[in-house]
Structures are given as C-alpha cells and as structure tokens.
Amino acid sequence: MPVTTGDYPTETSTKDLIDVAIRDFYDDYYNEQDINFRIKAYLHSEGDYQIQVDEVEVVGAEGRIVITEPDTWNTNDNAWILGVTNVVRWNTTGNVTDQLHIQFSTNSGANWETIGTNVVNDGEYEWLTPGSIAAHERDNCRMRMEDMSAMANGSIWDESNGNFETRWRYHILSPNGGEKWYTGDTNNIVWASAPGLGANSWLWFSQDSGTNWTRFPGDVPNTVGSTNNIYPWNTPKTNENYLSENARLAITVQGGNPSILPSDASDNDFILAGLRMTQPSGSTIWKRGNTEILQWVSSGAGAGGVKIELSLDAGTNYVTVTNDAPNNPGLNSLSWPVQAADPSDRAIFRITANGDANVWGNSEIFTLADVDIKDPGLGAEWQIGSTNIITWTYGGPVSDVNIYYSADGVSTNPADWTLLPGGGSVANALFPTTNTFEWVVPSDPSDNAYIRIAAIVGGETLWAASERFNIAGVRIDTPNEDVGGIPARTLGVEENITWTYAAAGPSAGGEIRWSNDGDIA
C-alpha cells in the first residue's frame, strides 16, 4: 500500500505521511472512478503482535467532483487560447449542489483567483480567459472547484491533476485529425483566434503531414477573440495535389508561416478522399486502336479497386471500361487498348471507388482521334455508275479531309490511292455529327475496294480506311474506245474480247452482244 514506508508489515506510517500519500493512493487506486473499500485499524505495538481495533469511524464526503478540462493535456497544441471563451468541464457523483465555486491559478496552485461563484452543477462553465498579447501567456495554470454548501462542509472539491497552459495564438478545431473529407464537398474549417491576430488570415494545406505547405489563394476573414471562425471550403475535385491520406491544415497571420507562432495546424492527419485521373489530360489526343496508359491519383478509396468509365459526350453517357482496376493510395496506372464506338473531341473518363461510392473523380476532356467510316461497310456492293453516300464520324484536330478510293486493297502509301472527283478538301464536322459525301461509283469493278479518308491537318497522318467492299459490275477492257481510241478491225480475223467483272453474278453466266450501229438493245 502506498502509505507503507518500511520493509516489514509491522511498521507503521505517521499521520503526516498518510496525509501526503493519500493523494497518490487516490490517484493510483480510484482512477477517477467510484469503488467500495473497507478499512481496518490496529493499535500500535512495539511487539510482533498487533491488536485490531474493534471500531473505526471514517467520515466521508457525500459527493464528488472531478475536473475533466482543463487538465495536463491542455498544453502545446491543446493549450487554452487567450482572449476567447474556453469551457471548464467536470463530472460529479453523489450529492453535489449548485453552489459551486471555481478558481484559477497561474502559479501551480500557490495562489487562486475566483472566476465563478454559485455555479450551477451542469458540467460546463464558459469562461472568457483573460489575455490579449503574447506576454500574457502562462505555463503553470490550474483550475479548482469546490462545493461551498453547508452539507459539503469543505469535503467536496477537486483540482486539475497538473499544470495546463494558455497561449496567444490560433487553434485549428476542425479538421484536427481523424476526419474523412471528400473532394467536391463543402467542408467547414473551424478555428479559434486570440485577440490581436488581425481581421484577415492565411490558410495552408499539406498533403504530407505538415512537411510541405501550400497556401490557399487570397485571405480568409478572421474574427479575433472567437472560437467559432468558419471558412466553408469547397474542396476542388480537379486538383490531384489535394488528395491525401496524410492531410493537414494550418492558419497563420497574413505574411506568416505555418511553422512559426502564433500559427496553428491540425494536430494529426485527416483524409481528403477522392480520385483524379491525370492522364489523359486536356491536351491529350489518343488514336483509337493504339494502346495508352491511364494514370490517376487515389486517396481514401479503401479496398476493392475502382471502376473506370468512358464518355464520348462530355459526361452525359458512359460505358464501362473496367469494373475492378487495381488501386492503391497515391499514383496508379493501367494499360488501355484504346477502344470506343466513335472518335470524339469531348471524351472524358469517370473513376469510382468500389469500396466507397463517395470517392470518385474525372479526367479532363480530351480527344479520341480517328476517322470512323460507317459506309461502305464490310461486303457492301455498290454498282458501277450508281450514286452512293460515303458516311463517317471524326474526332481530332479541326480539319477538312481528302477522300480516296482503291480497287486493289489497302495501302499505307498515299500514292496508291485515287482521289475521288470533288473529294479534295471536303468539309468535315466533329463527332457526334455524321459526315456525308455523294460518290458516283466509277467503272472499276473490284471485290477488294476500299475508301480512304484523311485529315489534311498534320499531312494526312490521321486517316482511316473503310471495310472491304465490292464495286459491282462489268467493264469491257478490249475492244474499248476509251482505251487507245477506236482501232481498225479486219473482217474475218479472230480477236479476243476481254472484260473485268466483280459481284456480277455466277462466273459461268453472262451474255455478250455486238452492234455495228452503236445501239445495243
């Protein structure tokens, strides 16, 4: 037992020693909780046999007060702020009246100043803590409370367990550590300000537990002598530098620095949760069919990966790219074969955490560049001499296009293509507009025909070919007045008639007619 001073149980403690040690006994064994205990007393004896006293009278208090704030934890960052209303808090048990007397000391309890009399026993007392300059700060403060009623008779009281501090400074109240805020929401930054710190202040943000700081643009209003300064912060979703699971905020005077008093910062880290896709960016032009790398920054997403969606109309409609991309706090990446129903200059990604639907974000609007030829489609049969409509959609740099055809397959060499009549510098609108061009199909039968459309800007590096289609019909190659004029023919001499055909029916069928008056009926 703490009041025992000797090495043997027969040794006793003096009254003065017990009076001193009883406080430690109270702290060590009660821990500010009520318990039941029994007391035995013995007559002092010089021998080895102690005689127990038959009756012990103990006078106890009918109630109890325990001050919970201020206490020894109200130091450093948690010190009470001068010139603002701080709250004394306490708990009571048993019979405690509304005649509470509250005192304050700046010298560890050597002297006391009364700050409240006949205080109602409701657990809280607001006190405007005096002080308006740095010289008024104190390190050895204590608070004392006592029930002054006749019933208590001086037996019901409590005092701070140790010293607390008062400081002339700011105090960040929220966020102060442990919170989870979401980008895109409006979150209230709350702080206390001592007198004399100015009508405007600076706010700062750190994403690395206070190692580095970035100042908010402009000033924020500051009410001195208040514990309820509020700045509604509309946390941006478009800046990945705010995403952090080690975030802190700080406040300083104008021109101040978060590491120099009278500034204050969040005591611990909070989470500023969100997702932001950083690649593609607003200047990105990706071509369909290529493989590109998606990149994004993540904070507070939790487990379960992320869902990535693509929109071609600036966010009105989305299609899923993947439901479960791996995701970790910080920078992430994913290889993506560029696939989309159409090219677009209004493409945008959306990314959402599977573990917390409140954690989501977008990319910037970017360009999915391509020429997507819709017609002719695969296996289409366009008759020689007929007028058909070439259709396409386009995404990429604003540009007119050149339109070509080939009857001999696809070639990457522009010289292998034939420019369509009127197919140079054709007006070309961006997706979602569908572009059209009327084409009178030439006499060039082919079952391996293609259309090529190329953007003029960039030297036709952005181009696409259609699917294979048929130019259907028959072309007489010899004799042919369009080839070498009209040669003389000798009666009775056998000559070959040659022709080219495609998609013109069975190879074993057909009919040849001849006329000597230019009229084949």
Protein backbone atom coordinates (compact mmCIF):
# COMPACT_ATOMS: atom_id res chain seq x y z
CA MET A 1 0.00 0.00 0.00
CA PRO A 2 1.43 3.43 -0.88
CA VAL A 3 1.37 4.65 2.74
CA THR A 4 3.57 1.79 3.94
CA THR A 5 7.12 3.06 4.34
CA GLY A 6 9.07 0.21 5.95
CA ASP A 7 10.21 -3.19 4.84
CA TYR A 8 8.05 -5.11 7.27
CA PRO A 9 4.26 -5.17 7.71
CA THR A 10 4.61 -4.36 11.40
CA GLU A 11 5.99 -0.94 10.59
CA THR A 12 3.54 1.96 10.58
CA SER A 13 3.13 5.31 8.88
CA THR A 14 2.85 8.59 10.64
CA LYS A 15 -0.23 10.79 10.33
CA ASP A 16 1.71 13.42 8.36
CA LEU A 17 2.97 10.82 5.88
CA ILE A 18 -0.52 9.42 5.39
CA ASP A 19 -1.89 12.92 4.74
CA VAL A 20 0.68 13.38 1.97
CA ALA A 21 0.45 9.90 0.46
CA ILE A 22 -3.34 9.68 0.49
CA ARG A 23 -3.46 11.77 -2.70
CA ASP A 24 -1.30 9.22 -4.52
CA PHE A 25 -3.42 6.46 -3.12
CA TYR A 26 -6.48 8.23 -4.52
CA ASP A 27 -4.93 8.53 -7.99
CA ASP A 28 -3.42 5.05 -8.05
CA TYR A 29 -6.43 3.11 -6.91
CA TYR A 30 -9.53 5.10 -7.83
CA ASN A 31 -8.62 6.41 -11.30
CA GLU A 32 -11.48 8.88 -11.04
CA GLN A 33 -13.99 6.02 -10.59
CA ASP A 34 -16.16 5.18 -7.59
CA ILE A 35 -15.30 1.95 -5.73
CA ASN A 36 -16.23 0.25 -2.46
CA PHE A 37 -13.48 -0.27 0.09
CA ARG A 38 -13.04 -1.50 3.70
CA ILE A 39 -10.71 -0.08 6.35
CA LYS A 40 -9.03 -1.90 9.27
CA ALA A 41 -7.09 -0.17 12.05
CA TYR A 42 -4.63 -1.62 14.53
CA LEU A 43 -3.24 -0.39 17.83
CA HIS A 44 0.40 0.47 17.58
CA SER A 45 2.53 -2.11 19.37
CA GLU A 46 6.24 -2.48 19.84
CA GLY A 47 5.89 -6.25 19.68
CA ASP A 48 5.23 -8.58 16.80
CA TYR A 49 1.56 -8.91 17.57
CA GLN A 50 -0.79 -6.12 16.55
CA ILE A 51 -4.21 -5.69 18.09
CA GLN A 52 -7.05 -4.88 15.69
CA VAL A 53 -9.34 -2.06 16.77
CA ASP A 54 -12.96 -3.19 17.11
CA GLU A 55 -14.49 0.00 15.73
CA VAL A 56 -13.23 2.57 13.20
CA GLU A 57 -15.11 5.76 12.40
CA VAL A 58 -14.48 7.19 8.91
CA VAL A 59 -16.00 10.49 7.86
CA GLY A 60 -16.54 10.59 4.03
CA ALA A 61 -17.89 13.19 1.61
CA GLU A 62 -21.44 12.77 0.31
CA GLY A 63 -20.40 13.66 -3.23
CA ARG A 64 -17.51 14.04 -5.55
CA ILE A 65 -16.25 16.47 -8.25
CA VAL A 66 -13.77 15.51 -11.00
CA ILE A 67 -12.46 18.27 -13.29
CA THR A 68 -12.00 16.87 -16.81
CA GLU A 69 -10.93 20.10 -18.55
CA PRO A 70 -8.64 21.93 -18.31
CA ASP A 71 -6.06 19.34 -17.32
CA THR A 72 -2.50 18.36 -18.06
CA TRP A 73 -3.29 17.54 -21.72
CA ASN A 74 -4.18 21.21 -22.36
CA THR A 75 -0.60 22.10 -23.28
CA ASN A 76 1.30 22.80 -26.50
CA ASP A 77 -1.16 22.45 -29.42
CA ASN A 78 -4.06 21.87 -26.98
CA ALA A 79 -3.31 24.85 -24.75
CA TRP A 80 -6.19 27.17 -23.95
CA ILE A 81 -6.33 30.26 -26.16
CA LEU A 82 -6.13 33.67 -24.51
CA GLY A 83 -8.92 36.16 -25.03
CA VAL A 84 -11.57 33.61 -26.08
CA THR A 85 -14.30 31.74 -24.25
CA ASN A 86 -12.97 28.41 -23.01
CA VAL A 87 -15.13 25.84 -21.26
CA VAL A 88 -14.42 24.34 -17.83
CA ARG A 89 -15.84 20.79 -17.75
CA TRP A 90 -16.39 18.41 -14.86
CA ASN A 91 -18.25 15.31 -13.69
CA THR A 92 -19.95 14.77 -10.35
CA THR A 93 -21.26 11.78 -8.42
CA GLY A 94 -23.24 11.57 -5.25
CA ASN A 95 -24.72 14.66 -3.66
CA VAL A 96 -23.22 17.84 -5.17
CA THR A 97 -25.15 21.13 -5.03
CA ASP A 98 -25.44 24.16 -7.33
CA GLN A 99 -23.21 26.22 -5.06
CA LEU A 100 -20.00 25.54 -6.91
CA HIS A 101 -17.02 27.83 -6.52
CA ILE A 102 -14.45 27.91 -9.37
CA GLN A 103 -10.92 29.28 -9.00
CA PHE A 104 -7.99 29.77 -11.36
CA SER A 105 -4.27 29.78 -10.60
CA THR A 106 -1.30 30.82 -12.74
CA ASN A 107 1.35 29.51 -10.33
CA SER A 108 0.54 25.82 -9.88
CA GLY A 109 -1.99 26.48 -7.13
CA ALA A 110 0.07 28.71 -4.86
CA ASN A 111 -2.48 31.49 -5.32
CA TRP A 112 -6.07 31.34 -6.53
CA GLU A 113 -8.38 33.80 -8.26
CA THR A 114 -12.14 33.26 -8.12
CA ILE A 115 -13.74 33.16 -11.58
CA GLY A 116 -17.21 31.83 -10.70
CA THR A 117 -19.48 31.60 -7.65
CA ASN A 118 -22.77 29.76 -7.12
CA VAL A 119 -22.14 27.97 -10.41
CA VAL A 120 -24.88 25.55 -11.45
CA ASN A 121 -23.73 21.93 -11.40
CA ASP A 122 -24.41 21.16 -15.07
CA GLY A 123 -20.91 20.02 -16.07
CA GLU A 124 -19.83 23.10 -18.06
CA TYR A 125 -18.85 26.69 -17.29
CA GLU A 126 -17.88 29.16 -20.03
CA TRP A 127 -15.05 31.47 -19.07
CA LEU A 128 -13.55 34.31 -21.08
CA THR A 129 -9.90 33.57 -20.46
CA PRO A 130 -8.06 36.87 -19.92
CA GLY A 131 -5.12 37.89 -22.12
CA SER A 132 -4.58 39.74 -25.39
CA ILE A 133 -0.83 39.63 -26.13
CA ALA A 134 1.96 37.03 -26.08
CA ALA A 135 3.24 38.38 -22.77
CA HIS A 136 0.03 37.17 -21.10
CA GLU A 137 0.81 33.50 -21.80
CA ARG A 138 1.15 31.25 -18.76
CA ASP A 139 2.64 27.74 -18.33
CA ASN A 140 1.61 26.82 -14.77
CA CYS A 141 -2.15 27.21 -14.75
CA ARG A 142 -4.57 25.15 -12.65
CA MET A 143 -8.32 25.07 -12.05
CA ARG A 144 -10.07 24.30 -8.75
CA MET A 145 -13.73 23.64 -7.94
CA GLU A 146 -15.46 23.28 -4.59
CA ASP A 147 -19.00 22.75 -3.37
CA MET A 148 -19.48 25.65 -0.93
CA SER A 149 -22.70 24.36 0.65
CA ALA A 150 -23.02 23.60 4.36
CA MET A 151 -23.68 19.99 3.51
CA ALA A 152 -20.31 19.67 1.76
CA ASN A 153 -18.52 21.33 4.63
CA GLY A 154 -15.33 21.70 2.58
CA SER A 155 -15.10 17.99 1.75
CA ILE A 156 -16.23 18.10 -1.91
CA TRP A 157 -13.66 19.65 -4.20
CA ASP A 158 -11.20 18.91 -7.00
CA GLU A 159 -8.21 20.47 -8.66
CA SER A 160 -6.51 19.99 -12.03
CA ASN A 161 -4.22 16.98 -11.86
CA GLY A 162 -1.34 19.15 -13.04
CA ASN A 163 -0.49 22.33 -14.89
CA PHE A 164 -2.07 23.43 -18.16
CA GLU A 165 -1.07 26.29 -20.46
CA THR A 166 -2.62 29.40 -22.00
CA ARG A 167 -1.36 30.70 -25.36
CA TRP A 168 -1.77 33.76 -27.57
CA ARG A 169 -2.27 32.08 -30.93
CA TYR A 170 -4.67 30.38 -33.33
CA HIS A 171 -6.12 26.95 -32.70
CA ILE A 172 -7.40 24.74 -35.54
CA LEU A 173 -10.51 22.95 -34.25
CA SER A 174 -11.56 21.16 -37.44
CA PRO A 175 -10.10 19.29 -39.18
CA ASN A 176 -7.83 18.31 -36.31
CA GLY A 177 -7.06 14.70 -37.18
CA GLY A 178 -9.03 11.56 -37.98
CA GLU A 179 -11.68 13.15 -40.21
CA LYS A 180 -12.52 11.91 -43.71
CA TRP A 181 -13.48 14.74 -46.04
CA TYR A 182 -14.41 14.28 -49.70
CA THR A 183 -13.26 16.40 -52.61
CA GLY A 184 -16.20 18.12 -54.26
CA ASP A 185 -17.94 18.68 -50.91
CA THR A 186 -18.05 21.90 -48.93
CA ASN A 187 -16.30 21.26 -45.62
CA ASN A 188 -16.10 23.78 -42.76
CA ILE A 189 -12.66 24.71 -41.49
CA VAL A 190 -13.11 25.92 -37.88
CA TRP A 191 -10.57 27.71 -35.68
CA ALA A 192 -10.16 29.89 -32.61
CA SER A 193 -8.28 33.18 -32.71
CA ALA A 194 -6.78 35.17 -29.86
CA PRO A 195 -7.17 38.97 -29.90
CA GLY A 196 -4.73 40.99 -31.97
CA LEU A 197 -4.15 38.49 -34.79
CA GLY A 198 -5.78 40.60 -37.47
CA ALA A 199 -9.04 40.76 -39.41
CA ASN A 200 -7.68 38.50 -42.15
CA SER A 201 -5.58 35.35 -42.02
CA TRP A 202 -3.97 32.82 -44.33
CA LEU A 203 -4.94 29.17 -44.63
CA TRP A 204 -2.49 26.48 -45.70
CA PHE A 205 -2.76 22.86 -46.89
CA SER A 206 -0.27 20.00 -46.54
CA GLN A 207 -0.55 16.55 -48.11
CA ASP A 208 2.48 15.13 -46.27
CA SER A 209 1.70 15.53 -42.55
CA GLY A 210 2.93 19.12 -42.46
CA THR A 211 6.34 18.69 -44.11
CA ASN A 212 5.41 20.97 -47.01
CA TRP A 213 2.66 23.59 -47.20
CA THR A 214 0.66 25.24 -50.00
CA ARG A 215 -1.20 28.46 -49.23
CA PHE A 216 -4.84 28.94 -50.13
CA PRO A 217 -5.39 31.73 -52.67
CA GLY A 218 -6.24 35.07 -51.07
CA ASP A 219 -7.13 35.94 -47.48
CA VAL A 220 -9.78 34.48 -45.19
CA PRO A 221 -11.77 36.62 -42.73
CA ASN A 222 -10.75 36.20 -39.09
CA THR A 223 -12.79 37.23 -36.02
CA VAL A 224 -10.40 37.79 -33.13
CA GLY A 225 -11.43 36.61 -29.68
CA SER A 226 -13.66 33.91 -31.17
CA THR A 227 -13.67 30.12 -31.05
CA ASN A 228 -16.08 29.87 -33.97
CA ASN A 229 -14.30 31.16 -37.05
CA ILE A 230 -15.63 29.19 -40.03
CA TYR A 231 -14.36 29.00 -43.60
CA PRO A 232 -16.58 26.90 -45.92
CA TRP A 233 -14.05 25.19 -48.16
CA ASN A 234 -15.41 23.88 -51.45
CA THR A 235 -12.70 21.26 -51.88
CA PRO A 236 -11.77 21.05 -55.57
CA LYS A 237 -12.11 17.76 -57.47
CA THR A 238 -9.92 18.94 -60.32
CA ASN A 239 -6.60 19.22 -58.46
CA GLU A 240 -4.89 15.94 -57.58
CA ASN A 241 -2.49 17.79 -55.26
CA TYR A 242 -5.24 18.00 -52.63
CA LEU A 243 -5.72 14.22 -52.49
CA SER A 244 -4.02 12.80 -49.41
CA GLU A 245 -4.42 10.35 -46.56
CA ASN A 246 -1.89 12.45 -44.60
CA ALA A 247 -3.57 15.84 -44.97
CA ARG A 248 -3.32 18.75 -42.52
CA LEU A 249 -4.47 22.38 -42.48
CA ALA A 250 -2.79 25.37 -40.89
CA ILE A 251 -3.68 29.01 -40.23
CA THR A 252 -1.31 31.95 -39.90
CA VAL A 253 -1.38 35.71 -39.76
CA GLN A 254 -1.03 37.48 -43.10
CA GLY A 255 2.55 37.00 -44.21
CA GLY A 256 3.07 34.25 -41.63
CA ASN A 257 4.45 30.75 -41.84
CA PRO A 258 2.85 27.51 -40.56
CA SER A 259 5.99 26.65 -38.58
CA ILE A 260 6.11 29.96 -36.70
CA LEU A 261 3.81 31.03 -33.87
CA PRO A 262 1.13 32.28 -33.47
CA SER A 263 0.16 29.83 -36.25
CA ASP A 264 -1.54 26.51 -35.63
CA ALA A 265 -2.01 23.32 -37.63
CA SER A 266 -4.11 20.19 -37.40
CA ASP A 267 -2.76 18.06 -34.55
CA ASN A 268 -2.93 14.86 -36.62
CA ASP A 269 -3.57 13.72 -40.19
CA PHE A 270 -7.00 13.64 -41.77
CA ILE A 271 -8.08 12.10 -45.09
CA LEU A 272 -9.04 14.24 -48.05
CA ALA A 273 -10.61 11.49 -50.14
CA GLY A 274 -11.14 11.44 -53.87
CA LEU A 275 -9.91 10.24 -57.25
CA ARG A 276 -8.46 12.29 -60.08
CA MET A 277 -7.38 10.95 -63.47
CA THR A 278 -4.26 12.79 -64.57
CA GLN A 279 -3.65 11.04 -67.90
CA PRO A 280 -5.24 11.69 -70.37
CA SER A 281 -5.08 15.44 -69.83
CA GLY A 282 -6.89 18.23 -71.64
CA SER A 283 -4.23 18.39 -74.35
CA THR A 284 -4.17 14.63 -74.97
CA ILE A 285 -5.00 13.25 -78.42
CA TRP A 286 -5.19 9.47 -78.48
CA LYS A 287 -5.93 7.46 -81.61
CA ARG A 288 -8.30 4.55 -81.48
CA GLY A 289 -6.53 1.23 -81.87
CA ASN A 290 -3.39 2.33 -80.05
CA THR A 291 -2.53 1.23 -76.51
CA GLU A 292 -2.19 4.06 -73.99
CA ILE A 293 -1.53 4.35 -70.23
CA LEU A 294 -4.26 5.68 -67.93
CA GLN A 295 -2.97 7.36 -64.75
CA TRP A 296 -4.83 8.53 -61.67
CA VAL A 297 -4.26 9.64 -58.07
CA SER A 298 -6.24 8.00 -55.27
CA SER A 299 -6.96 8.85 -51.63
CA GLY A 300 -9.39 7.28 -49.17
CA ALA A 301 -10.78 4.82 -51.72
CA GLY A 302 -10.45 1.77 -49.47
CA ALA A 303 -10.25 -1.81 -50.70
CA GLY A 304 -11.95 -3.32 -53.75
CA GLY A 305 -10.34 -1.47 -56.66
CA VAL A 306 -12.02 1.13 -58.85
CA LYS A 307 -14.50 1.26 -61.72
CA ILE A 308 -13.42 3.21 -64.83
CA GLU A 309 -15.95 4.52 -67.36
CA LEU A 310 -15.62 6.43 -70.65
CA SER A 311 -17.92 9.09 -72.08
CA LEU A 312 -17.78 10.43 -75.62
CA ASP A 313 -20.19 13.32 -74.98
CA ALA A 314 -18.51 15.23 -72.12
CA GLY A 315 -20.11 13.14 -69.37
CA THR A 316 -23.73 12.70 -70.44
CA ASN A 317 -23.47 8.98 -71.19
CA TYR A 318 -20.85 6.47 -70.04
CA VAL A 319 -19.74 2.97 -70.97
CA THR A 320 -17.68 0.76 -68.65
CA VAL A 321 -14.01 0.26 -69.42
CA THR A 322 -13.32 -1.95 -66.37
CA ASN A 323 -15.12 -2.76 -63.13
CA ASP A 324 -12.14 -3.67 -60.98
CA ALA A 325 -8.93 -1.86 -61.81
CA PRO A 326 -6.33 -2.34 -59.02
CA ASN A 327 -5.99 0.78 -56.88
CA ASN A 328 -3.69 1.97 -54.09
CA PRO A 329 -3.25 5.31 -52.29
CA GLY A 330 -1.21 7.66 -54.46
CA LEU A 331 -0.41 7.28 -58.17
CA ASN A 332 -1.89 4.37 -60.16
CA SER A 333 -1.73 3.33 -63.83
CA LEU A 334 -3.47 0.95 -66.24
CA SER A 335 -2.64 -0.06 -69.82
CA TRP A 336 -5.66 0.56 -72.07
CA PRO A 337 -6.14 -0.57 -75.69
CA VAL A 338 -7.98 2.48 -76.98
CA GLN A 339 -11.47 1.32 -77.88
CA ALA A 340 -14.54 3.46 -78.42
CA ALA A 341 -17.65 3.33 -80.56
CA ASP A 342 -16.71 6.65 -82.20
CA PRO A 343 -13.94 9.21 -82.21
CA SER A 344 -14.65 12.29 -80.14
CA ASP A 345 -13.15 15.61 -79.12
CA ARG A 346 -15.33 15.52 -75.94
CA ALA A 347 -14.12 12.28 -74.38
CA ILE A 348 -13.83 12.07 -70.59
CA PHE A 349 -13.17 9.33 -68.03
CA ARG A 350 -15.00 8.80 -64.73
CA ILE A 351 -13.41 6.73 -61.96
CA THR A 352 -15.26 5.49 -58.84
CA ALA A 353 -14.07 3.56 -55.78
CA ASN A 354 -15.85 0.23 -55.34
CA GLY A 355 -15.37 0.46 -51.58
CA ASP A 356 -16.80 3.97 -51.15
CA ALA A 357 -19.10 5.48 -53.78
CA ASN A 358 -18.40 8.97 -52.39
CA VAL A 359 -14.84 8.67 -53.66
CA TRP A 360 -14.88 9.45 -57.38
CA GLY A 361 -13.43 11.82 -59.94
CA ASN A 362 -12.94 12.60 -63.62
CA SER A 363 -10.26 13.22 -66.16
CA GLU A 364 -10.12 16.41 -68.18
CA ILE A 365 -11.95 16.37 -71.50
CA PHE A 366 -9.61 15.00 -74.16
CA THR A 367 -9.67 13.85 -77.79
CA LEU A 368 -10.11 10.33 -79.10
CA ALA A 369 -8.83 10.96 -82.60
CA ASP A 370 -9.87 8.85 -85.55
CA VAL A 371 -11.85 8.73 -88.75
CA ASP A 372 -14.61 6.16 -88.43
CA ILE A 373 -16.01 5.25 -91.85
CA LYS A 374 -19.52 3.91 -91.44
CA ASP A 375 -20.37 3.34 -95.15
CA PRO A 376 -19.41 1.48 -97.20
CA GLY A 377 -19.49 -1.39 -94.72
CA LEU A 378 -17.92 -4.82 -94.99
CA GLY A 379 -19.11 -6.65 -98.13
CA ALA A 380 -21.25 -3.79 -99.41
CA GLU A 381 -21.99 -3.90 -103.17
CA TRP A 382 -22.02 -0.54 -104.86
CA GLN A 383 -22.96 -0.69 -108.54
CA ILE A 384 -20.84 0.96 -111.19
CA GLY A 385 -22.45 4.23 -112.18
CA SER A 386 -24.69 4.43 -109.14
CA THR A 387 -24.58 7.29 -106.67
CA ASN A 388 -23.82 6.16 -103.12
CA ILE A 389 -23.30 8.01 -99.86
CA ILE A 390 -19.99 7.72 -98.02
CA THR A 391 -20.56 8.43 -94.27
CA TRP A 392 -18.08 8.88 -91.41
CA THR A 393 -17.57 10.41 -88.00
CA TYR A 394 -14.45 12.29 -86.98
CA GLY A 395 -12.59 13.23 -83.82
CA GLY A 396 -9.31 15.09 -83.74
CA PRO A 397 -7.87 18.44 -84.76
CA VAL A 398 -10.34 20.59 -86.67
CA SER A 399 -9.63 19.84 -90.31
CA ASP A 400 -11.11 19.28 -93.76
CA VAL A 401 -10.50 15.88 -95.27
CA ASN A 402 -9.44 14.29 -98.57
CA ILE A 403 -11.37 11.24 -99.78
CA TYR A 404 -9.79 8.49 -101.90
CA TYR A 405 -10.63 5.04 -103.16
CA SER A 406 -8.67 1.96 -104.13
CA ALA A 407 -9.77 -1.08 -106.13
CA ASP A 408 -6.64 -3.00 -105.14
CA GLY A 409 -6.73 -3.25 -101.34
CA VAL A 410 -5.38 -1.10 -98.52
CA SER A 411 -2.03 0.61 -98.82
CA THR A 412 -0.20 2.91 -96.41
CA ASN A 413 1.27 4.74 -99.39
CA PRO A 414 -0.97 7.69 -100.31
CA ALA A 415 0.18 7.39 -103.96
CA ASP A 416 -1.65 4.08 -104.26
CA TRP A 417 -5.00 5.79 -103.73
CA THR A 418 -7.14 7.68 -106.25
CA LEU A 419 -8.68 10.98 -105.17
CA LEU A 420 -12.41 10.97 -105.71
CA PRO A 421 -13.82 13.63 -108.05
CA GLY A 422 -14.71 16.51 -105.72
CA GLY A 423 -13.07 14.61 -102.85
CA GLY A 424 -10.41 17.21 -102.06
CA SER A 425 -10.78 19.46 -99.01
CA VAL A 426 -14.22 18.16 -98.07
CA ALA A 427 -15.87 19.89 -95.11
CA ASN A 428 -15.58 17.74 -92.00
CA ALA A 429 -17.53 18.13 -88.74
CA LEU A 430 -16.56 16.74 -85.34
CA PHE A 431 -18.40 13.91 -83.58
CA PRO A 432 -21.32 13.47 -82.89
CA THR A 433 -22.10 14.85 -86.36
CA THR A 434 -22.12 12.21 -89.11
CA ASN A 435 -20.41 13.50 -92.25
CA THR A 436 -21.58 12.53 -95.77
CA PHE A 437 -20.23 12.65 -99.34
CA GLU A 438 -22.03 11.62 -102.55
CA TRP A 439 -19.93 9.47 -104.88
CA VAL A 440 -20.74 8.30 -108.41
CA VAL A 441 -19.14 4.88 -108.49
CA PRO A 442 -16.59 4.62 -111.38
CA SER A 443 -16.34 1.81 -113.88
CA ASP A 444 -13.69 -0.04 -111.92
CA PRO A 445 -15.09 -3.41 -110.82
CA SER A 446 -13.44 -4.83 -107.71
CA ASP A 447 -14.09 -7.25 -104.90
CA ASN A 448 -11.26 -5.65 -102.88
CA ALA A 449 -12.27 -1.99 -102.87
CA TYR A 450 -11.67 0.48 -100.03
CA ILE A 451 -12.36 4.14 -99.19
CA ARG A 452 -9.66 6.24 -97.50
CA ILE A 453 -10.46 9.46 -95.61
CA ALA A 454 -7.54 11.56 -94.34
CA ALA A 455 -7.43 14.74 -92.29
CA ILE A 456 -5.48 17.41 -94.15
CA VAL A 457 -4.06 18.92 -90.94
CA GLY A 458 -0.85 17.15 -89.98
CA GLY A 459 -0.09 15.97 -93.50
CA GLU A 460 -2.75 13.24 -93.58
CA THR A 461 -1.17 11.37 -90.68
CA LEU A 462 -4.65 10.93 -89.21
CA TRP A 463 -6.55 8.72 -91.63
CA ALA A 464 -8.60 5.55 -91.84
CA ALA A 465 -9.70 3.04 -94.43
CA SER A 466 -13.15 1.56 -94.74
CA GLU A 467 -14.02 -2.10 -94.59
CA ARG A 468 -13.59 -4.06 -97.81
CA PHE A 469 -16.49 -3.61 -100.21
CA ASN A 470 -17.40 -4.50 -103.85
CA ILE A 471 -17.63 -2.20 -106.83
CA ALA A 472 -20.16 -4.34 -108.67
CA GLY A 473 -20.41 -4.58 -112.44
CA VAL A 474 -18.65 -5.49 -115.69
CA ARG A 475 -16.10 -3.43 -117.61
CA ILE A 476 -15.11 -4.35 -121.21
CA ASP A 477 -11.41 -3.84 -121.46
CA THR A 478 -10.93 -4.74 -125.18
CA PRO A 479 -12.10 -3.58 -127.57
CA ASN A 480 -12.71 -0.30 -125.73
CA GLU A 481 -12.83 3.09 -127.41
CA ASP A 482 -11.90 4.68 -124.12
CA VAL A 483 -8.55 2.90 -124.27
CA GLY A 484 -6.41 3.92 -127.27
CA GLY A 485 -9.23 5.29 -129.39
CA ILE A 486 -11.16 3.21 -131.96
CA PRO A 487 -8.75 0.84 -133.75
CA ALA A 488 -9.48 -0.59 -137.19
CA ARG A 489 -10.85 -4.11 -137.30
CA THR A 490 -10.22 -6.63 -140.11
CA LEU A 491 -13.13 -8.74 -141.16
CA GLY A 492 -12.58 -12.42 -140.77
CA VAL A 493 -9.72 -12.01 -138.27
CA GLU A 494 -10.33 -13.50 -134.84
CA GLU A 495 -9.71 -11.15 -131.88
CA ASN A 496 -10.13 -11.56 -128.09
CA ILE A 497 -12.79 -9.72 -126.18
CA THR A 498 -11.63 -9.13 -122.58
CA TRP A 499 -13.55 -7.76 -119.60
CA THR A 500 -13.33 -7.27 -115.84
CA TYR A 501 -16.19 -8.01 -113.51
CA ALA A 502 -16.96 -8.07 -109.79
CA ALA A 503 -20.06 -9.04 -107.85
CA ALA A 504 -21.83 -9.55 -111.18
CA GLY A 505 -23.41 -12.94 -110.62
CA PRO A 506 -22.15 -16.51 -111.26
CA SER A 507 -18.86 -16.80 -113.08
CA ALA A 508 -20.41 -19.27 -115.59
CA GLY A 509 -23.20 -16.92 -116.59
CA GLY A 510 -23.37 -13.85 -118.78
CA GLU A 511 -24.22 -12.72 -122.29
CA ILE A 512 -22.18 -10.87 -124.92
CA ARG A 513 -23.91 -8.71 -127.52
CA TRP A 514 -22.49 -6.91 -130.56
CA SER A 515 -23.73 -3.96 -132.62
CA ASN A 516 -22.42 -2.17 -135.66
CA ASP A 517 -24.61 0.91 -135.27
CA GLY A 518 -23.81 1.91 -131.68
CA ASP A 519 -27.13 0.70 -130.35
CA ILE A 520 -27.17 -2.43 -128.21
CA ALA A 521 -30.71 -3.30 -127.32
